[in-house]
Protein backbone atom coordinates (compact mmCIF):
# COMPACT_ATOMS: atom_id res chain seq x y z
CA MET A 1 -127.62 -100.56 32.15
CA ARG A 2 -130.58 -98.20 32.02
CA SER A 3 -131.68 -96.36 35.11
CA VAL A 4 -135.47 -96.16 34.99
CA PRO A 5 -138.28 -96.18 37.54
CA GLN A 6 -139.54 -99.59 38.59
CA PHE A 7 -143.26 -99.95 39.32
CA GLY A 8 -145.30 -102.81 40.77
CA ASP A 9 -144.49 -105.25 43.51
CA ARG A 10 -142.91 -108.67 43.15
CA GLN A 11 -145.11 -111.42 44.55
CA ALA A 12 -143.19 -113.82 46.75
CA GLY A 13 -142.30 -117.11 45.08
CA ARG A 14 -142.70 -115.79 41.51
CA SER A 15 -139.99 -115.34 38.94
CA TYR A 16 -140.55 -112.31 36.68
CA VAL A 17 -139.35 -112.44 33.08
CA ASP A 18 -138.06 -109.20 31.55
CA ARG A 19 -140.12 -108.37 28.46
CA PRO A 20 -139.53 -105.48 26.07
CA ALA A 21 -142.75 -103.50 25.67
CA ALA A 22 -143.97 -100.30 24.03
CA PHE A 23 -147.00 -98.13 24.77
CA GLY A 24 -148.28 -94.97 23.17
CA ILE A 25 -150.07 -91.75 23.92
CA LEU A 26 -152.32 -90.48 21.15
CA GLU A 27 -154.03 -87.15 21.86
CA ARG A 28 -157.18 -85.90 20.15
CA ASN A 29 -159.22 -82.85 21.18
CA GLY A 30 -157.68 -82.79 24.66
CA GLN A 31 -158.25 -86.49 25.32
CA ILE A 32 -155.97 -89.52 25.04
CA ALA A 33 -156.69 -92.98 23.66
CA VAL A 34 -156.87 -95.81 26.19
CA VAL A 35 -158.33 -99.29 25.95
CA ARG A 36 -160.87 -100.86 28.29
CA ILE A 37 -160.10 -104.55 28.61
CA GLU A 38 -162.87 -106.92 29.71
CA LYS A 39 -162.09 -110.56 30.46
CA PRO A 40 -164.63 -113.44 30.57
CA ASP A 41 -164.24 -113.73 34.36
CA GLY A 42 -165.57 -110.18 34.76
CA ALA A 43 -162.22 -108.49 35.31
CA ALA A 44 -161.98 -105.10 33.60
CA TRP A 45 -159.32 -102.42 33.55
CA ILE A 46 -157.93 -99.46 31.58
CA ASP A 47 -154.51 -99.56 29.89
CA LEU A 48 -152.58 -97.46 27.43
CA PRO A 49 -152.65 -99.26 24.08
CA GLY A 50 -149.47 -101.23 23.53
CA GLY A 51 -147.77 -104.31 24.85
CA GLY A 52 -144.96 -106.75 24.29
CA VAL A 53 -142.51 -106.12 21.47
CA ASP A 54 -142.18 -109.22 19.28
CA PRO A 55 -138.76 -110.70 18.43
CA GLY A 56 -137.25 -108.79 15.50
CA GLU A 57 -139.48 -105.74 16.05
CA THR A 58 -138.31 -102.32 17.11
CA PRO A 59 -140.24 -100.66 19.94
CA GLU A 60 -141.68 -98.24 17.36
CA GLU A 61 -142.93 -101.14 15.22
CA GLY A 62 -144.33 -102.86 18.31
CA VAL A 63 -146.37 -99.88 19.51
CA VAL A 64 -147.78 -99.30 16.01
CA ARG A 65 -148.80 -102.99 15.68
CA GLU A 66 -150.24 -103.21 19.20
CA PHE A 67 -152.18 -99.94 18.79
CA GLY A 68 -153.83 -101.34 15.67
CA GLU A 69 -154.59 -104.72 17.25
CA GLU A 70 -156.04 -103.24 20.45
CA ALA A 71 -157.57 -99.89 19.46
CA GLY A 72 -158.17 -100.32 15.73
CA LEU A 73 -156.20 -97.18 14.88
CA LYS A 74 -153.29 -96.70 12.51
CA VAL A 75 -150.62 -94.61 14.20
CA VAL A 76 -147.11 -93.34 13.60
CA ALA A 77 -144.59 -93.28 16.46
CA ARG A 78 -143.23 -89.75 16.68
CA ASP A 79 -140.76 -90.00 19.57
CA SER A 80 -140.03 -91.92 22.73
CA PHE A 81 -140.34 -89.68 25.77
CA ALA A 82 -140.03 -92.05 28.74
CA LEU A 83 -138.85 -95.46 29.92
CA ALA A 84 -140.29 -97.36 32.89
CA ASP A 85 -140.48 -100.93 34.16
CA GLN A 86 -143.60 -102.61 35.59
CA PHE A 87 -143.93 -105.91 37.47
CA PHE A 88 -147.30 -107.58 36.85
CA VAL A 89 -148.99 -110.97 36.56
CA ASN A 90 -151.26 -111.38 33.54
CA THR A 91 -154.60 -113.19 33.51
CA GLU A 92 -152.87 -116.41 32.42
CA GLY A 93 -150.72 -116.28 35.56
CA GLU A 94 -147.50 -115.31 33.74
CA ALA A 95 -145.23 -112.97 35.72
CA TRP A 96 -143.62 -110.22 33.64
CA ASN A 97 -141.44 -107.20 34.14
CA ASN A 98 -142.43 -104.98 31.22
CA ARG A 99 -139.37 -102.95 30.21
CA SER A 100 -141.44 -100.25 28.53
CA ALA A 101 -140.77 -97.42 26.12
CA PHE A 102 -143.52 -94.79 25.92
CA PHE A 103 -144.14 -92.95 22.64
CA VAL A 104 -145.98 -89.87 21.47
CA LEU A 105 -148.09 -90.98 18.51
CA ASP A 106 -149.77 -89.34 15.53
CA LEU A 107 -152.98 -90.67 14.01
CA ASP A 108 -152.48 -92.12 10.53
CA GLY A 109 -156.02 -93.39 9.93
CA ASP A 110 -158.64 -95.89 10.94
CA GLY A 111 -157.22 -99.41 11.14
CA VAL A 112 -160.32 -101.40 12.06
CA ALA A 113 -159.18 -104.20 9.73
CA VAL A 114 -156.11 -104.76 11.94
CA LYS A 115 -158.06 -104.85 15.24
CA VAL A 116 -157.89 -108.41 16.53
CA GLU A 117 -158.32 -108.12 20.29
CA ASP A 118 -162.08 -108.32 20.80
CA ASP A 119 -161.81 -107.84 24.57
CA HIS A 120 -160.23 -104.36 24.03
CA THR A 121 -162.42 -101.30 23.44
CA LEU A 122 -161.08 -97.88 22.47
CA VAL A 123 -162.02 -95.15 24.96
CA TRP A 124 -161.01 -91.46 24.95
CA LEU A 125 -160.28 -89.93 28.39
CA ALA A 126 -159.05 -86.60 29.66
CA PRO A 127 -155.41 -87.08 30.73
CA LEU A 128 -156.13 -86.51 34.44
CA GLU A 129 -158.98 -89.04 34.31
CA ALA A 130 -156.63 -91.49 32.59
CA ILE A 131 -154.05 -91.06 35.36
CA THR A 132 -156.60 -92.06 37.98
CA SER A 133 -158.07 -94.89 35.86
CA LEU A 134 -155.04 -96.69 34.44
CA ARG A 135 -154.31 -100.13 35.88
CA HIS A 136 -150.52 -99.90 35.78
CA ASP A 137 -148.70 -97.27 37.81
CA SER A 138 -146.08 -97.01 35.06
CA HIS A 139 -148.81 -95.98 32.59
CA ALA A 140 -150.15 -93.29 34.95
CA TRP A 141 -146.59 -92.05 35.54
CA ALA A 142 -145.98 -91.90 31.75
CA VAL A 143 -149.16 -89.86 31.18
CA ALA A 144 -148.04 -87.41 33.88
CA ALA A 145 -144.57 -87.22 32.27
CA TRP A 146 -146.22 -86.59 28.88
CA MET A 147 -148.38 -83.80 30.36
CA ARG A 148 -145.29 -82.09 31.82
CA ARG A 149 -143.47 -81.99 28.46
């Protein structure tokens, strides 16, 4: 059993499904890559690129795939530096507990051809601005942990 911080609050009457997830921090010129997500209903937020790890994928493979799909960047996972869990309900009403690994990433090139999530836009933010802007507390905590390394 892993002992990791748990973020988010359970909503009464919901059952949360554990989901393996992986997110990455890619630094360039003192800023980190985040994605701005805009939904048709007007909802918008900032996340670290990443997401659910598909069956048969390693967390490293998942973060590389998700980074390409969301941010349009080819990356290499260097090392995992933190684990954290996050309760949340997605826009489809599904309740998840992301069991997340956070990775330091290196840029391996432009992957625009692999970008498939049109509602995600790559944005570069200073780490402190990212901490105050990120939707999920686990993401903000991971950026702070990365800064303290």
